[in-house]
Amino acid sequence: MALHFVAPDVEKTFGALTFGRFLGERTRRNADGSTTITRRYVLFSTVQVGDEIIVDLPGRVSKKGFAFLAPVRLVKPRIRAVGKVTGGNAHREFEMSAEDLLKV
């Protein structure tokens, strides 16, 4: 996810969010051997125009099935910058997570 502008304020970073689609579930193995399940969704933003915002929700949160472009809001969103190396080139990506996704 390439964010064009990141501010400490969610409204300034994303503006109004709308629901795109459910991407699927991811299972990650933790250092202690346990597993964590997350559900991934695509959202659209009035500020991050032209990009899909991919957000991970905890597996304990029920699966969301909102209508396409339904207005939504994130509960306790977090953005984390992650460094990646591809073919000897370094670049930055953002990982987005939240506690829940609610219909407005």
N, C-alpha and C. Protein backbone atom coordinates (compact mmCIF):
# COMPACT_ATOMS: atom_id res chain seq x y z
N MET A 1 0.86 -1.16 0.00
CA MET A 1 0.00 0.00 0.00
C MET A 1 0.91 1.22 0.00
N ALA A 2 0.81 2.03 -1.01
CA ALA A 2 1.62 3.24 -1.11
C ALA A 2 0.76 4.44 -0.71
N LEU A 3 0.95 4.91 0.50
CA LEU A 3 0.18 6.07 0.94
C LEU A 3 0.86 7.34 0.44
N HIS A 4 0.06 8.28 -0.05
CA HIS A 4 0.59 9.53 -0.57
C HIS A 4 0.86 10.53 0.54
N PHE A 5 0.18 10.38 1.66
CA PHE A 5 0.24 11.37 2.73
C PHE A 5 -0.16 10.69 4.03
N VAL A 6 0.68 10.76 5.04
CA VAL A 6 0.37 10.15 6.33
C VAL A 6 0.47 11.22 7.41
N ALA A 7 -0.60 11.36 8.18
CA ALA A 7 -0.65 12.32 9.29
C ALA A 7 -1.10 11.59 10.54
N PRO A 8 -0.82 12.13 11.72
CA PRO A 8 -1.26 11.48 12.96
C PRO A 8 -2.78 11.39 13.07
N ASP A 9 -3.50 12.17 12.29
CA ASP A 9 -4.96 12.20 12.32
C ASP A 9 -5.52 11.29 11.21
N VAL A 10 -6.36 10.33 11.59
CA VAL A 10 -6.92 9.39 10.62
C VAL A 10 -7.72 10.11 9.55
N GLU A 11 -8.49 11.12 9.94
CA GLU A 11 -9.31 11.86 8.98
C GLU A 11 -8.44 12.55 7.93
N LYS A 12 -7.29 13.10 8.34
CA LYS A 12 -6.40 13.78 7.39
C LYS A 12 -5.71 12.79 6.47
N THR A 13 -5.38 11.61 6.97
CA THR A 13 -4.70 10.60 6.16
C THR A 13 -5.64 9.93 5.18
N PHE A 14 -6.87 9.62 5.59
CA PHE A 14 -7.78 8.84 4.76
C PHE A 14 -9.03 9.57 4.29
N GLY A 15 -9.46 10.59 5.00
CA GLY A 15 -10.72 11.23 4.65
C GLY A 15 -11.85 10.26 4.91
N ALA A 16 -12.81 10.19 4.00
CA ALA A 16 -13.91 9.24 4.12
C ALA A 16 -13.50 7.90 3.51
N LEU A 17 -13.80 6.81 4.21
CA LEU A 17 -13.47 5.47 3.74
C LEU A 17 -14.72 4.75 3.26
N THR A 18 -14.57 3.96 2.21
CA THR A 18 -15.65 3.11 1.72
C THR A 18 -15.15 1.69 1.57
N PHE A 19 -16.07 0.73 1.67
CA PHE A 19 -15.74 -0.69 1.62
C PHE A 19 -15.50 -1.13 0.18
N GLY A 20 -14.45 -1.91 -0.02
CA GLY A 20 -14.15 -2.46 -1.33
C GLY A 20 -14.54 -3.93 -1.42
N ARG A 21 -13.73 -4.76 -0.75
CA ARG A 21 -13.99 -6.21 -0.80
C ARG A 21 -13.19 -6.93 0.29
N PHE A 22 -13.57 -8.17 0.52
CA PHE A 22 -12.85 -9.06 1.43
C PHE A 22 -11.74 -9.73 0.62
N LEU A 23 -10.50 -9.68 1.10
CA LEU A 23 -9.38 -10.29 0.39
C LEU A 23 -9.11 -11.72 0.81
N GLY A 24 -9.39 -12.05 2.06
CA GLY A 24 -9.13 -13.40 2.53
C GLY A 24 -8.54 -13.39 3.92
N GLU A 25 -8.19 -14.59 4.38
CA GLU A 25 -7.61 -14.75 5.71
C GLU A 25 -6.14 -15.08 5.58
N ARG A 26 -5.36 -14.59 6.54
CA ARG A 26 -3.94 -14.90 6.60
C ARG A 26 -3.65 -15.56 7.94
N THR A 27 -2.83 -16.58 7.92
CA THR A 27 -2.40 -17.24 9.14
C THR A 27 -0.89 -17.04 9.27
N ARG A 28 -0.48 -16.52 10.41
CA ARG A 28 0.94 -16.31 10.67
C ARG A 28 1.37 -17.11 11.89
N ARG A 29 2.55 -17.68 11.80
CA ARG A 29 3.11 -18.42 12.94
C ARG A 29 3.93 -17.45 13.77
N ASN A 30 3.65 -17.39 15.05
CA ASN A 30 4.35 -16.51 15.97
C ASN A 30 5.64 -17.17 16.45
N ALA A 31 6.50 -16.39 17.07
CA ALA A 31 7.79 -16.89 17.57
C ALA A 31 7.62 -18.01 18.59
N ASP A 32 6.52 -17.98 19.36
CA ASP A 32 6.29 -19.02 20.37
C ASP A 32 5.61 -20.27 19.81
N GLY A 33 5.38 -20.30 18.49
CA GLY A 33 4.77 -21.47 17.86
C GLY A 33 3.27 -21.37 17.69
N SER A 34 2.64 -20.41 18.34
CA SER A 34 1.19 -20.23 18.18
C SER A 34 0.90 -19.56 16.84
N THR A 35 -0.35 -19.58 16.44
CA THR A 35 -0.73 -18.95 15.17
C THR A 35 -1.69 -17.80 15.42
N THR A 36 -1.64 -16.82 14.52
CA THR A 36 -2.54 -15.67 14.56
C THR A 36 -3.25 -15.58 13.23
N ILE A 37 -4.56 -15.45 13.28
CA ILE A 37 -5.36 -15.33 12.05
C ILE A 37 -5.81 -13.89 11.92
N THR A 38 -5.66 -13.33 10.73
CA THR A 38 -6.16 -12.00 10.42
C THR A 38 -7.00 -12.06 9.16
N ARG A 39 -7.97 -11.17 9.07
CA ARG A 39 -8.80 -11.05 7.87
C ARG A 39 -8.42 -9.75 7.18
N ARG A 40 -8.25 -9.81 5.85
CA ARG A 40 -7.81 -8.64 5.08
C ARG A 40 -8.96 -8.10 4.23
N TYR A 41 -9.05 -6.78 4.22
CA TYR A 41 -10.09 -6.10 3.46
C TYR A 41 -9.48 -4.98 2.63
N VAL A 42 -10.12 -4.65 1.53
CA VAL A 42 -9.74 -3.52 0.70
C VAL A 42 -10.73 -2.40 0.95
N LEU A 43 -10.19 -1.21 1.24
CA LEU A 43 -10.99 -0.01 1.43
C LEU A 43 -10.55 1.04 0.42
N PHE A 44 -11.41 2.01 0.16
CA PHE A 44 -11.08 3.13 -0.71
C PHE A 44 -11.18 4.41 0.09
N SER A 45 -10.34 5.39 -0.25
CA SER A 45 -10.22 6.62 0.52
C SER A 45 -10.43 7.83 -0.37
N THR A 46 -11.00 8.88 0.20
CA THR A 46 -11.16 10.13 -0.56
C THR A 46 -9.86 10.93 -0.59
N VAL A 47 -8.90 10.59 0.26
CA VAL A 47 -7.60 11.28 0.27
C VAL A 47 -6.56 10.48 -0.52
N GLN A 48 -6.50 9.18 -0.31
CA GLN A 48 -5.55 8.31 -1.01
C GLN A 48 -6.19 7.85 -2.33
N VAL A 49 -6.47 8.78 -3.18
CA VAL A 49 -7.21 8.52 -4.43
C VAL A 49 -6.38 7.64 -5.36
N GLY A 50 -7.01 6.65 -5.95
CA GLY A 50 -6.35 5.77 -6.92
C GLY A 50 -5.68 4.57 -6.30
N ASP A 51 -5.64 4.46 -5.00
CA ASP A 51 -5.01 3.32 -4.34
C ASP A 51 -6.01 2.55 -3.50
N GLU A 52 -5.75 1.27 -3.36
CA GLU A 52 -6.53 0.45 -2.46
C GLU A 52 -5.86 0.48 -1.09
N ILE A 53 -6.63 0.66 -0.05
CA ILE A 53 -6.12 0.61 1.32
C ILE A 53 -6.40 -0.80 1.82
N ILE A 54 -5.35 -1.54 2.12
CA ILE A 54 -5.52 -2.91 2.62
C ILE A 54 -5.36 -2.87 4.13
N VAL A 55 -6.38 -3.35 4.82
CA VAL A 55 -6.38 -3.32 6.28
C VAL A 55 -6.57 -4.74 6.82
N ASP A 56 -5.81 -5.06 7.87
CA ASP A 56 -5.91 -6.36 8.55
C ASP A 56 -6.72 -6.18 9.83
N LEU A 57 -7.68 -7.08 10.02
CA LEU A 57 -8.47 -7.12 11.25
C LEU A 57 -8.18 -8.43 11.97
N PRO A 58 -8.24 -8.44 13.29
CA PRO A 58 -8.01 -9.69 14.04
C PRO A 58 -9.04 -10.76 13.66
N GLY A 59 -8.61 -12.01 13.72
CA GLY A 59 -9.49 -13.12 13.38
C GLY A 59 -10.68 -13.26 14.31
N ARG A 60 -10.58 -12.71 15.52
CA ARG A 60 -11.69 -12.80 16.47
C ARG A 60 -12.86 -11.91 16.09
N VAL A 61 -12.64 -10.96 15.20
CA VAL A 61 -13.70 -10.06 14.73
C VAL A 61 -14.47 -10.78 13.63
N SER A 62 -15.80 -10.68 13.67
CA SER A 62 -16.62 -11.37 12.68
C SER A 62 -16.33 -10.87 11.27
N LYS A 63 -16.52 -11.75 10.30
CA LYS A 63 -16.27 -11.41 8.89
C LYS A 63 -17.26 -10.34 8.44
N LYS A 64 -16.74 -9.35 7.73
CA LYS A 64 -17.55 -8.22 7.26
C LYS A 64 -18.01 -8.48 5.83
N GLY A 65 -19.28 -8.17 5.56
CA GLY A 65 -19.83 -8.35 4.23
C GLY A 65 -20.64 -7.14 3.81
N PHE A 66 -20.03 -5.97 3.91
CA PHE A 66 -20.73 -4.74 3.56
C PHE A 66 -20.91 -4.63 2.05
N ALA A 67 -21.85 -3.81 1.63
CA ALA A 67 -22.07 -3.56 0.21
C ALA A 67 -20.87 -2.79 -0.36
N PHE A 68 -20.61 -2.97 -1.64
CA PHE A 68 -19.52 -2.26 -2.31
C PHE A 68 -19.73 -0.75 -2.20
N LEU A 69 -18.69 -0.05 -1.78
CA LEU A 69 -18.66 1.40 -1.58
C LEU A 69 -19.53 1.89 -0.43
N ALA A 70 -19.90 0.99 0.48
CA ALA A 70 -20.62 1.41 1.69
C ALA A 70 -19.66 2.20 2.57
N PRO A 71 -20.10 3.32 3.15
CA PRO A 71 -19.23 4.10 4.04
C PRO A 71 -18.89 3.30 5.30
N VAL A 72 -17.61 3.30 5.67
CA VAL A 72 -17.15 2.56 6.85
C VAL A 72 -16.19 3.43 7.65
N ARG A 73 -15.92 2.98 8.88
CA ARG A 73 -14.90 3.64 9.70
C ARG A 73 -14.11 2.56 10.42
N LEU A 74 -12.84 2.89 10.70
CA LEU A 74 -11.95 1.97 11.39
C LEU A 74 -11.94 2.27 12.88
N VAL A 75 -11.88 1.21 13.68
CA VAL A 75 -11.78 1.34 15.14
C VAL A 75 -10.32 1.12 15.52
N LYS A 76 -9.72 2.11 16.14
CA LYS A 76 -8.31 2.09 16.57
C LYS A 76 -7.36 1.66 15.43
N PRO A 77 -7.32 2.42 14.34
CA PRO A 77 -6.41 2.07 13.24
C PRO A 77 -4.96 2.32 13.61
N ARG A 78 -4.08 1.51 13.02
CA ARG A 78 -2.64 1.65 13.21
C ARG A 78 -1.96 1.51 11.84
N ILE A 79 -0.99 2.38 11.58
CA ILE A 79 -0.20 2.31 10.35
C ILE A 79 1.24 2.07 10.75
N ARG A 80 1.88 1.11 10.08
CA ARG A 80 3.26 0.77 10.39
C ARG A 80 4.07 0.78 9.10
N ALA A 81 5.17 1.53 9.08
CA ALA A 81 6.06 1.55 7.92
C ALA A 81 6.96 0.31 7.99
N VAL A 82 7.10 -0.38 6.86
CA VAL A 82 7.89 -1.60 6.80
C VAL A 82 8.87 -1.49 5.64
N GLY A 83 10.13 -1.78 5.89
CA GLY A 83 11.13 -1.78 4.83
C GLY A 83 11.15 -3.11 4.11
N LYS A 84 11.22 -3.07 2.79
CA LYS A 84 11.25 -4.28 1.97
C LYS A 84 12.44 -4.21 1.02
N VAL A 85 12.99 -5.36 0.67
CA VAL A 85 14.05 -5.43 -0.33
C VAL A 85 13.58 -6.35 -1.44
N THR A 86 13.62 -5.84 -2.67
CA THR A 86 13.22 -6.61 -3.83
C THR A 86 14.30 -6.47 -4.90
N GLY A 87 14.94 -7.57 -5.23
CA GLY A 87 15.95 -7.54 -6.27
C GLY A 87 17.08 -6.55 -6.01
N GLY A 88 17.50 -6.41 -4.77
CA GLY A 88 18.58 -5.50 -4.44
C GLY A 88 18.14 -4.05 -4.25
N ASN A 89 16.87 -3.76 -4.44
CA ASN A 89 16.35 -2.41 -4.25
C ASN A 89 15.51 -2.36 -2.97
N ALA A 90 15.71 -1.33 -2.19
CA ALA A 90 14.95 -1.17 -0.95
C ALA A 90 13.81 -0.18 -1.19
N HIS A 91 12.68 -0.46 -0.59
CA HIS A 91 11.55 0.46 -0.63
C HIS A 91 10.73 0.31 0.64
N ARG A 92 9.86 1.25 0.85
CA ARG A 92 9.03 1.29 2.04
C ARG A 92 7.59 0.99 1.67
N GLU A 93 6.94 0.21 2.51
CA GLU A 93 5.52 -0.06 2.38
C GLU A 93 4.86 0.24 3.72
N PHE A 94 3.57 0.39 3.70
CA PHE A 94 2.82 0.60 4.92
C PHE A 94 1.91 -0.60 5.17
N GLU A 95 1.86 -1.05 6.43
CA GLU A 95 0.92 -2.08 6.84
C GLU A 95 -0.12 -1.43 7.72
N MET A 96 -1.37 -1.70 7.43
CA MET A 96 -2.48 -1.08 8.15
C MET A 96 -3.24 -2.16 8.90
N SER A 97 -3.57 -1.90 10.15
CA SER A 97 -4.39 -2.81 10.93
C SER A 97 -5.36 -1.98 11.76
N ALA A 98 -6.40 -2.64 12.25
CA ALA A 98 -7.40 -1.98 13.08
C ALA A 98 -8.05 -3.03 13.97
N GLU A 99 -8.71 -2.56 15.02
CA GLU A 99 -9.42 -3.46 15.93
C GLU A 99 -10.73 -3.96 15.32
N ASP A 100 -11.38 -3.10 14.52
CA ASP A 100 -12.66 -3.48 13.90
C ASP A 100 -12.96 -2.52 12.75
N LEU A 101 -13.92 -2.91 11.94
CA LEU A 101 -14.40 -2.13 10.81
C LEU A 101 -15.91 -2.03 10.94
N LEU A 102 -16.43 -0.80 11.03
CA LEU A 102 -17.85 -0.61 11.25
C LEU A 102 -18.48 0.18 10.12
N LYS A 103 -19.73 -0.13 9.83
CA LYS A 103 -20.48 0.62 8.83
C LYS A 103 -20.92 1.95 9.44
N VAL A 104 -20.80 3.03 8.66
CA VAL A 104 -21.18 4.35 9.15
C VAL A 104 -22.67 4.55 8.97
